[in-house]
Amino acid sequence: MKKEPLRMCVGCRERFPQKELLRLVASPEGVAIDRTGRMPGRGAYLCYRETCVSGAYKKKSLQRALRQALNESIWIEIDQAVKAANEREE
């Protein structure tokens, strides 16, 4: 039986199975949402709670994890992805 990898959310610092988190990748081209989980570059994870997204924004924990500054457009994409995932769950 294969163990499922756990990853830590940079917003709330809780551990979740990797498939339950939103992965973001920092590469030379910039920061992007990794929907496949296979993009090359430095990755960081956020859970799909809006409080975690806002906490990561305020504390700048996502920027520290990715070691790269984030522009407003990526935050808008993250917010839309979290809202879409939460709507699917309901």
PDB file of N, CA and C in Angstrom:
ATOM      1  N   MET A   1       0.840  -1.186   0.000  1.00  0.00           N
ATOM      2  CA  MET A   1       0.000   0.000   0.000  1.00  0.00           C
ATOM      3  C   MET A   1       0.883   1.246   0.000  1.00  0.00           C
ATOM      4  N   LYS A   2       0.595   2.150  -0.910  1.00  0.00           N
ATOM      5  CA  LYS A   2       1.403   3.348  -1.066  1.00  0.00           C
ATOM      6  C   LYS A   2       0.915   4.459  -0.135  1.00  0.00           C
ATOM      7  N   LYS A   3       1.860   5.108   0.540  1.00  0.00           N
ATOM      8  CA  LYS A   3       1.516   6.216   1.423  1.00  0.00           C
ATOM      9  C   LYS A   3       1.323   7.488   0.607  1.00  0.00           C
ATOM     10  N   GLU A   4       0.297   8.253   0.956  1.00  0.00           N
ATOM     11  CA  GLU A   4       0.047   9.515   0.263  1.00  0.00           C
ATOM     12  C   GLU A   4       0.910  10.607   0.891  1.00  0.00           C
ATOM     13  N   PRO A   5       1.618  11.402   0.056  1.00  0.00           N
ATOM     14  CA  PRO A   5       2.481  12.442   0.611  1.00  0.00           C
ATOM     15  C   PRO A   5       1.681  13.571   1.257  1.00  0.00           C
ATOM     16  N   LEU A   6       2.191  14.079   2.373  1.00  0.00           N
ATOM     17  CA  LEU A   6       1.585  15.222   3.057  1.00  0.00           C
ATOM     18  C   LEU A   6       2.396  16.470   2.760  1.00  0.00           C
ATOM     19  N   ARG A   7       1.706  17.570   2.617  1.00  0.00           N
ATOM     20  CA  ARG A   7       2.357  18.863   2.398  1.00  0.00           C
ATOM     21  C   ARG A   7       1.753  19.879   3.347  1.00  0.00           C
ATOM     22  N   MET A   8       2.511  20.936   3.641  1.00  0.00           N
ATOM     23  CA  MET A   8       2.060  21.953   4.584  1.00  0.00           C
ATOM     24  C   MET A   8       1.536  23.185   3.847  1.00  0.00           C
ATOM     25  N   CYS A   9       0.394  23.655   4.284  1.00  0.00           N
ATOM     26  CA  CYS A   9      -0.179  24.888   3.760  1.00  0.00           C
ATOM     27  C   CYS A   9       0.623  26.058   4.326  1.00  0.00           C
ATOM     28  N   VAL A  10       1.042  26.986   3.464  1.00  0.00           N
ATOM     29  CA  VAL A  10       1.821  28.125   3.946  1.00  0.00           C
ATOM     30  C   VAL A  10       0.948  29.146   4.667  1.00  0.00           C
ATOM     31  N   GLY A  11      -0.373  29.039   4.519  1.00  0.00           N
ATOM     32  CA  GLY A  11      -1.283  29.971   5.189  1.00  0.00           C
ATOM     33  C   GLY A  11      -1.561  29.587   6.631  1.00  0.00           C
ATOM     34  N   CYS A  12      -1.971  28.317   6.848  1.00  0.00           N
ATOM     35  CA  CYS A  12      -2.372  27.893   8.195  1.00  0.00           C
ATOM     36  C   CYS A  12      -1.356  26.959   8.847  1.00  0.00           C
ATOM     37  N   ARG A  13      -0.345  26.521   8.089  1.00  0.00           N
ATOM     38  CA  ARG A  13       0.726  25.639   8.587  1.00  0.00           C
ATOM     39  C   ARG A  13       0.206  24.257   8.988  1.00  0.00           C
ATOM     40  N   GLU A  14      -0.945  23.826   8.481  1.00  0.00           N
ATOM     41  CA  GLU A  14      -1.473  22.486   8.729  1.00  0.00           C
ATOM     42  C   GLU A  14      -1.031  21.568   7.597  1.00  0.00           C
ATOM     43  N   ARG A  15      -0.919  20.280   7.917  1.00  0.00           N
ATOM     44  CA  ARG A  15      -0.536  19.293   6.907  1.00  0.00           C
ATOM     45  C   ARG A  15      -1.781  18.639   6.311  1.00  0.00           C
ATOM     46  N   PHE A  16      -1.743  18.490   4.985  1.00  0.00           N
ATOM     47  CA  PHE A  16      -2.836  17.884   4.242  1.00  0.00           C
ATOM     48  C   PHE A  16      -2.254  16.942   3.202  1.00  0.00           C
ATOM     49  N   PRO A  17      -3.060  15.977   2.709  1.00  0.00           N
ATOM     50  CA  PRO A  17      -2.606  15.196   1.560  1.00  0.00           C
ATOM     51  C   PRO A  17      -2.349  16.132   0.380  1.00  0.00           C
ATOM     52  N   GLN A  18      -1.338  15.829  -0.385  1.00  0.00           N
ATOM     53  CA  GLN A  18      -0.888  16.704  -1.461  1.00  0.00           C
ATOM     54  C   GLN A  18      -1.999  17.042  -2.453  1.00  0.00           C
ATOM     55  N   LYS A  19      -2.889  16.107  -2.735  1.00  0.00           N
ATOM     56  CA  LYS A  19      -3.942  16.328  -3.731  1.00  0.00           C
ATOM     57  C   LYS A  19      -5.020  17.289  -3.258  1.00  0.00           C
ATOM     58  N   GLU A  20      -5.084  17.578  -1.953  1.00  0.00           N
ATOM     59  CA  GLU A  20      -6.092  18.486  -1.418  1.00  0.00           C
ATOM     60  C   GLU A  20      -5.629  19.939  -1.370  1.00  0.00           C
ATOM     61  N   LEU A  21      -4.432  20.215  -1.881  1.00  0.00           N
ATOM     62  CA  LEU A  21      -3.862  21.551  -1.803  1.00  0.00           C
ATOM     63  C   LEU A  21      -3.650  22.148  -3.189  1.00  0.00           C
ATOM     64  N   LEU A  22      -3.611  23.470  -3.226  1.00  0.00           N
ATOM     65  CA  LEU A  22      -3.323  24.225  -4.440  1.00  0.00           C
ATOM     66  C   LEU A  22      -1.819  24.447  -4.482  1.00  0.00           C
ATOM     67  N   ARG A  23      -1.176  23.995  -5.561  1.00  0.00           N
ATOM     68  CA  ARG A  23       0.276  24.146  -5.675  1.00  0.00           C
ATOM     69  C   ARG A  23       0.606  25.361  -6.521  1.00  0.00           C
ATOM     70  N   LEU A  24       1.554  26.151  -6.046  1.00  0.00           N
ATOM     71  CA  LEU A  24       2.048  27.305  -6.784  1.00  0.00           C
ATOM     72  C   LEU A  24       3.527  27.085  -7.047  1.00  0.00           C
ATOM     73  N   VAL A  25       3.976  27.501  -8.216  1.00  0.00           N
ATOM     74  CA  VAL A  25       5.356  27.261  -8.618  1.00  0.00           C
ATOM     75  C   VAL A  25       6.015  28.569  -9.023  1.00  0.00           C
ATOM     76  N   ALA A  26       7.222  28.779  -8.513  1.00  0.00           N
ATOM     77  CA  ALA A  26       8.033  29.928  -8.909  1.00  0.00           C
ATOM     78  C   ALA A  26       9.093  29.437  -9.880  1.00  0.00           C
ATOM     79  N   SER A  27       9.127  30.042 -11.047  1.00  0.00           N
ATOM     80  CA  SER A  27      10.125  29.707 -12.056  1.00  0.00           C
ATOM     81  C   SER A  27      10.698  31.017 -12.597  1.00  0.00           C
ATOM     82  N   PRO A  28      11.699  30.939 -13.455  1.00  0.00           N
ATOM     83  CA  PRO A  28      12.242  32.193 -14.012  1.00  0.00           C
ATOM     84  C   PRO A  28      11.197  33.031 -14.753  1.00  0.00           C
ATOM     85  N   GLU A  29      10.139  32.383 -15.279  1.00  0.00           N
ATOM     86  CA  GLU A  29       9.078  33.118 -15.984  1.00  0.00           C
ATOM     87  C   GLU A  29       8.129  33.824 -15.028  1.00  0.00           C
ATOM     88  N   GLY A  30       8.135  33.441 -13.754  1.00  0.00           N
ATOM     89  CA  GLY A  30       7.240  34.035 -12.768  1.00  0.00           C
ATOM     90  C   GLY A  30       6.519  32.962 -11.975  1.00  0.00           C
ATOM     91  N   VAL A  31       5.519  33.379 -11.215  1.00  0.00           N
ATOM     92  CA  VAL A  31       4.756  32.456 -10.369  1.00  0.00           C
ATOM     93  C   VAL A  31       3.495  32.040 -11.112  1.00  0.00           C
ATOM     94  N   ALA A  32       3.175  30.739 -11.021  1.00  0.00           N
ATOM     95  CA  ALA A  32       1.988  30.220 -11.700  1.00  0.00           C
ATOM     96  C   ALA A  32       1.323  29.168 -10.825  1.00  0.00           C
ATOM     97  N   ILE A  33       0.025  28.953 -11.058  1.00  0.00           N
ATOM     98  CA  ILE A  33      -0.702  27.876 -10.390  1.00  0.00           C
ATOM     99  C   ILE A  33      -0.400  26.596 -11.149  1.00  0.00           C
ATOM    100  N   ASP A  34       0.024  25.568 -10.427  1.00  0.00           N
ATOM    101  CA  ASP A  34       0.367  24.280 -11.023  1.00  0.00           C
ATOM    102  C   ASP A  34      -0.799  23.324 -10.835  1.00  0.00           C
ATOM    103  N   ARG A  35      -1.629  23.195 -11.845  1.00  0.00           N
ATOM    104  CA  ARG A  35      -2.797  22.320 -11.753  1.00  0.00           C
ATOM    105  C   ARG A  35      -2.434  20.855 -11.958  1.00  0.00           C
ATOM    106  N   THR A  36      -1.306  20.575 -12.605  1.00  0.00           N
ATOM    107  CA  THR A  36      -0.892  19.200 -12.868  1.00  0.00           C
ATOM    108  C   THR A  36      -0.059  18.621 -11.728  1.00  0.00           C
ATOM    109  N   GLY A  37       0.597  19.485 -10.956  1.00  0.00           N
ATOM    110  CA  GLY A  37       1.466  19.015  -9.884  1.00  0.00           C
ATOM    111  C   GLY A  37       2.831  18.579 -10.381  1.00  0.00           C
ATOM    112  N   ARG A  38       3.161  18.890 -11.622  1.00  0.00           N
ATOM    113  CA  ARG A  38       4.412  18.424 -12.214  1.00  0.00           C
ATOM    114  C   ARG A  38       5.279  19.540 -12.797  1.00  0.00           C
ATOM    115  N   MET A  39       4.890  20.774 -12.647  1.00  0.00           N
ATOM    116  CA  MET A  39       5.677  21.864 -13.220  1.00  0.00           C
ATOM    117  C   MET A  39       7.019  21.984 -12.509  1.00  0.00           C
ATOM    118  N   PRO A  40       8.079  22.277 -13.259  1.00  0.00           N
ATOM    119  CA  PRO A  40       9.381  22.444 -12.623  1.00  0.00           C
ATOM    120  C   PRO A  40       9.472  23.800 -11.929  1.00  0.00           C
ATOM    121  N   GLY A  41      10.246  23.861 -10.882  1.00  0.00           N
ATOM    122  CA  GLY A  41      10.446  25.104 -10.149  1.00  0.00           C
ATOM    123  C   GLY A  41      10.179  24.903  -8.674  1.00  0.00           C
ATOM    124  N   ARG A  42      10.343  25.961  -7.921  1.00  0.00           N
ATOM    125  CA  ARG A  42      10.127  25.914  -6.481  1.00  0.00           C
ATOM    126  C   ARG A  42       8.635  25.967  -6.186  1.00  0.00           C
ATOM    127  N   GLY A  43       8.131  25.007  -5.429  1.00  0.00           N
ATOM    128  CA  GLY A  43       6.706  24.927  -5.169  1.00  0.00           C
ATOM    129  C   GLY A  43       6.338  25.291  -3.740  1.00  0.00           C
ATOM    130  N   ALA A  44       5.105  25.726  -3.584  1.00  0.00           N
ATOM    131  CA  ALA A  44       4.521  26.001  -2.270  1.00  0.00           C
ATOM    132  C   ALA A  44       3.042  25.640  -2.363  1.00  0.00           C
ATOM    133  N   TYR A  45       2.446  25.325  -1.227  1.00  0.00           N
ATOM    134  CA  TYR A  45       1.072  24.839  -1.213  1.00  0.00           C
ATOM    135  C   TYR A  45       0.183  25.718  -0.353  1.00  0.00           C
ATOM    136  N   LEU A  46      -1.069  25.874  -0.798  1.00  0.00           N
ATOM    137  CA  LEU A  46      -2.112  26.578  -0.046  1.00  0.00           C
ATOM    138  C   LEU A  46      -3.339  25.684  -0.008  1.00  0.00           C
ATOM    139  N   CYS A  47      -4.017  25.635   1.139  1.00  0.00           N
ATOM    140  CA  CYS A  47      -5.270  24.890   1.176  1.00  0.00           C
ATOM    141  C   CYS A  47      -6.373  25.776   0.599  1.00  0.00           C
ATOM    142  N   TYR A  48      -7.517  25.194   0.373  1.00  0.00           N
ATOM    143  CA  TYR A  48      -8.599  25.894  -0.318  1.00  0.00           C
ATOM    144  C   TYR A  48      -9.502  26.681   0.626  1.00  0.00           C
ATOM    145  N   ARG A  49      -8.968  27.156   1.735  1.00  0.00           N
ATOM    146  CA  ARG A  49      -9.741  28.015   2.640  1.00  0.00           C
ATOM    147  C   ARG A  49      -9.412  29.472   2.346  1.00  0.00           C
ATOM    148  N   GLU A  50     -10.439  30.291   2.292  1.00  0.00           N
ATOM    149  CA  GLU A  50     -10.209  31.708   1.998  1.00  0.00           C
ATOM    150  C   GLU A  50      -9.434  32.394   3.114  1.00  0.00           C
ATOM    151  N   THR A  51      -9.584  31.902   4.356  1.00  0.00           N
ATOM    152  CA  THR A  51      -8.829  32.494   5.473  1.00  0.00           C
ATOM    153  C   THR A  51      -7.335  32.236   5.310  1.00  0.00           C
ATOM    154  N   CYS A  52      -6.966  31.092   4.750  1.00  0.00           N
ATOM    155  CA  CYS A  52      -5.551  30.787   4.531  1.00  0.00           C
ATOM    156  C   CYS A  52      -4.957  31.671   3.439  1.00  0.00           C
ATOM    157  N   VAL A  53      -5.734  31.903   2.398  1.00  0.00           N
ATOM    158  CA  VAL A  53      -5.260  32.761   1.310  1.00  0.00           C
ATOM    159  C   VAL A  53      -5.044  34.180   1.825  1.00  0.00           C
ATOM    160  N   SER A  54      -6.016  34.698   2.573  1.00  0.00           N
ATOM    161  CA  SER A  54      -5.861  36.066   3.088  1.00  0.00           C
ATOM    162  C   SER A  54      -4.741  36.134   4.123  1.00  0.00           C
ATOM    163  N   GLY A  55      -4.579  35.083   4.931  1.00  0.00           N
ATOM    164  CA  GLY A  55      -3.490  35.055   5.905  1.00  0.00           C
ATOM    165  C   GLY A  55      -2.131  35.012   5.232  1.00  0.00           C
ATOM    166  N   ALA A  56      -2.004  34.216   4.167  1.00  0.00           N
ATOM    167  CA  ALA A  56      -0.747  34.143   3.420  1.00  0.00           C
ATOM    168  C   ALA A  56      -0.436  35.474   2.751  1.00  0.00           C
ATOM    169  N   TYR A  57      -1.482  36.184   2.313  1.00  0.00           N
ATOM    170  CA  TYR A  57      -1.295  37.498   1.692  1.00  0.00           C
ATOM    171  C   TYR A  57      -0.797  38.509   2.718  1.00  0.00           C
ATOM    172  N   LYS A  58      -1.439  38.532   3.886  1.00  0.00           N
ATOM    173  CA  LYS A  58      -1.080  39.515   4.914  1.00  0.00           C
ATOM    174  C   LYS A  58       0.299  39.250   5.509  1.00  0.00           C
ATOM    175  N   LYS A  59       0.607  37.974   5.774  1.00  0.00           N
ATOM    176  CA  LYS A  59       1.881  37.616   6.405  1.00  0.00           C
ATOM    177  C   LYS A  59       3.028  37.475   5.413  1.00  0.00           C
ATOM    178  N   LYS A  60       2.696  37.522   4.110  1.00  0.00           N
ATOM    179  CA  LYS A  60       3.679  37.344   3.038  1.00  0.00           C
ATOM    180  C   LYS A  60       4.400  36.002   3.129  1.00  0.00           C
ATOM    181  N   SER A  61       3.709  34.992   3.656  1.00  0.00           N
ATOM    182  CA  SER A  61       4.325  33.679   3.800  1.00  0.00           C
ATOM    183  C   SER A  61       4.506  32.977   2.456  1.00  0.00           C
ATOM    184  N   LEU A  62       3.640  33.250   1.494  1.00  0.00           N
ATOM    185  CA  LEU A  62       3.785  32.634   0.179  1.00  0.00           C
ATOM    186  C   LEU A  62       5.006  33.200  -0.550  1.00  0.00           C
ATOM    187  N   GLN A  63       5.232  34.497  -0.431  1.00  0.00           N
ATOM    188  CA  GLN A  63       6.417  35.102  -1.043  1.00  0.00           C
ATOM    189  C   GLN A  63       7.690  34.512  -0.445  1.00  0.00           C
ATOM    190  N   ARG A  64       7.696  34.322   0.873  1.00  0.00           N
ATOM    191  CA  ARG A  64       8.879  33.742   1.525  1.00  0.00           C
ATOM    192  C   ARG A  64       9.094  32.300   1.088  1.00  0.00           C
ATOM    193  N   ALA A  65       8.017  31.531   0.996  1.00  0.00           N
ATOM    194  CA  ALA A  65       8.141  30.125   0.607  1.00  0.00           C
ATOM    195  C   ALA A  65       8.650  29.985  -0.832  1.00  0.00           C
ATOM    196  N   LEU A  66       8.194  30.860  -1.704  1.00  0.00           N
ATOM    197  CA  LEU A  66       8.605  30.796  -3.108  1.00  0.00           C
ATOM    198  C   LEU A  66       9.889  31.568  -3.380  1.00  0.00           C
ATOM    199  N   ARG A  67      10.310  32.371  -2.408  1.00  0.00           N
ATOM    200  CA  ARG A  67      11.508  33.213  -2.534  1.00  0.00           C
ATOM    201  C   ARG A  67      11.419  34.124  -3.753  1.00  0.00           C
ATOM    202  N   GLN A  68      10.224  34.691  -3.928  1.00  0.00           N
ATOM    203  CA  GLN A  68       9.982  35.559  -5.076  1.00  0.00           C
ATOM    204  C   GLN A  68       8.819  36.490  -4.759  1.00  0.00           C
ATOM    205  N   ALA A  69       8.898  37.715  -5.247  1.00  0.00           N
ATOM    206  CA  ALA A  69       7.801  38.667  -5.052  1.00  0.00           C
ATOM    207  C   ALA A  69       6.623  38.269  -5.937  1.00  0.00           C
ATOM    208  N   LEU A  70       5.411  38.492  -5.427  1.00  0.00           N
ATOM    209  CA  LEU A  70       4.203  38.144  -6.175  1.00  0.00           C
ATOM    210  C   LEU A  70       3.457  39.419  -6.557  1.00  0.00           C
ATOM    211  N   ASN A  71       2.975  39.455  -7.797  1.00  0.00           N
ATOM    212  CA  ASN A  71       2.188  40.619  -8.208  1.00  0.00           C
ATOM    213  C   ASN A  71       0.711  40.360  -7.938  1.00  0.00           C
ATOM    214  N   GLU A  72      -0.095  41.392  -8.086  1.00  0.00           N
ATOM    215  CA  GLU A  72      -1.526  41.296  -7.768  1.00  0.00           C
ATOM    216  C   GLU A  72      -2.260  40.295  -8.654  1.00  0.00           C
ATOM    217  N   SER A  73      -1.833  40.140  -9.890  1.00  0.00           N
ATOM    218  CA  SER A  73      -2.559  39.257 -10.810  1.00  0.00           C
ATOM    219  C   SER A  73      -2.537  37.806 -10.343  1.00  0.00           C
ATOM    220  N   ILE A  74      -1.441  37.339  -9.753  1.00  0.00           N
ATOM    221  CA  ILE A  74      -1.395  35.952  -9.266  1.00  0.00           C
ATOM    222  C   ILE A  74      -2.313  35.789  -8.059  1.00  0.00           C
ATOM    223  N   TRP A  75      -2.422  36.822  -7.222  1.00  0.00           N
ATOM    224  CA  TRP A  75      -3.337  36.748  -6.076  1.00  0.00           C
ATOM    225  C   TRP A  75      -4.779  36.660  -6.547  1.00  0.00           C
ATOM    226  N   ILE A  76      -5.110  37.347  -7.626  1.00  0.00           N
ATOM    227  CA  ILE A  76      -6.464  37.276  -8.182  1.00  0.00           C
ATOM    228  C   ILE A  76      -6.723  35.862  -8.710  1.00  0.00           C
ATOM    229  N   GLU A  77      -5.730  35.275  -9.402  1.00  0.00           N
ATOM    230  CA  GLU A  77      -5.870  33.905  -9.902  1.00  0.00           C
ATOM    231  C   GLU A  77      -6.050  32.914  -8.753  1.00  0.00           C
ATOM    232  N   ILE A  78      -5.272  33.077  -7.687  1.00  0.00           N
ATOM    233  CA  ILE A  78      -5.374  32.190  -6.522  1.00  0.00           C
ATOM    234  C   ILE A  78      -6.764  32.301  -5.912  1.00  0.00           C
ATOM    235  N   ASP A  79      -7.234  33.532  -5.739  1.00  0.00           N
ATOM    236  CA  ASP A  79      -8.555  33.763  -5.156  1.00  0.00           C
ATOM    237  C   ASP A  79      -9.650  33.117  -6.005  1.00  0.00           C
ATOM    238  N   GLN A  80      -9.555  33.247  -7.321  1.00  0.00           N
ATOM    239  CA  GLN A  80     -10.546  32.644  -8.211  1.00  0.00           C
ATOM    240  C   GLN A  80     -10.505  31.116  -8.129  1.00  0.00           C
ATOM    241  N   ALA A  81      -9.299  30.532  -8.058  1.00  0.00           N
ATOM    242  CA  ALA A  81      -9.161  29.077  -7.980  1.00  0.00           C
ATOM    243  C   ALA A  81      -9.754  28.553  -6.679  1.00  0.00           C
ATOM    244  N   VAL A  82      -9.537  29.264  -5.575  1.00  0.00           N
ATOM    245  CA  VAL A  82     -10.073  28.841  -4.280  1.00  0.00           C
ATOM    246  C   VAL A  82     -11.596  28.938  -4.266  1.00  0.00           C
ATOM    247  N   LYS A  83     -12.126  30.029  -4.800  1.00  0.00           N
ATOM    248  CA  LYS A  83     -13.579  30.190  -4.851  1.00  0.00           C
ATOM    249  C   LYS A  83     -14.226  29.134  -5.740  1.00  0.00           C
ATOM    250  N   ALA A  84     -13.597  28.819  -6.868  1.00  0.00           N
ATOM    251  CA  ALA A  84     -14.134  27.794  -7.778  1.00  0.00           C
ATOM    252  C   ALA A  84     -14.121  26.424  -7.109  1.00  0.00           C
ATOM    253  N   ALA A  85     -13.064  26.112  -6.382  1.00  0.00           N
ATOM    254  CA  ALA A  85     -12.975  24.825  -5.694  1.00  0.00           C
ATOM    255  C   ALA A  85     -14.021  24.731  -4.585  1.00  0.00           C
ATOM    256  N   ASN A  86     -14.248  25.812  -3.872  1.00  0.00           N
ATOM    257  CA  ASN A  86     -15.239  25.813  -2.812  1.00  0.00           C
ATOM    258  C   ASN A  86     -16.653  25.705  -3.364  1.00  0.00           C
ATOM    259  N   GLU A  87     -16.907  26.284  -4.529  1.00  0.00           N
ATOM    260  CA  GLU A  87     -18.232  26.174  -5.149  1.00  0.00           C
ATOM    261  C   GLU A  87     -18.492  24.752  -5.602  1.00  0.00           C
ATOM    262  N   ARG A  88     -17.446  24.053  -6.096  1.00  0.00           N
ATOM    263  CA  ARG A  88     -17.597  22.660  -6.525  1.00  0.00           C
ATOM    264  C   ARG A  88     -17.932  21.745  -5.359  1.00  0.00           C
ATOM    265  N   GLU A  89     -17.394  22.044  -4.179  1.00  0.00           N
ATOM    266  CA  GLU A  89     -17.624  21.212  -3.005  1.00  0.00           C
ATOM    267  C   GLU A  89     -19.066  21.312  -2.509  1.00  0.00           C
ATOM    268  N   GLU A  90     -19.666  22.475  -2.646  1.00  0.00           N
ATOM    269  CA  GLU A  90     -21.011  22.702  -2.107  1.00  0.00           C
ATOM    270  C   GLU A  90     -22.077  22.016  -2.871  1.00  0.00           C
TER     271      GLU A  90
END
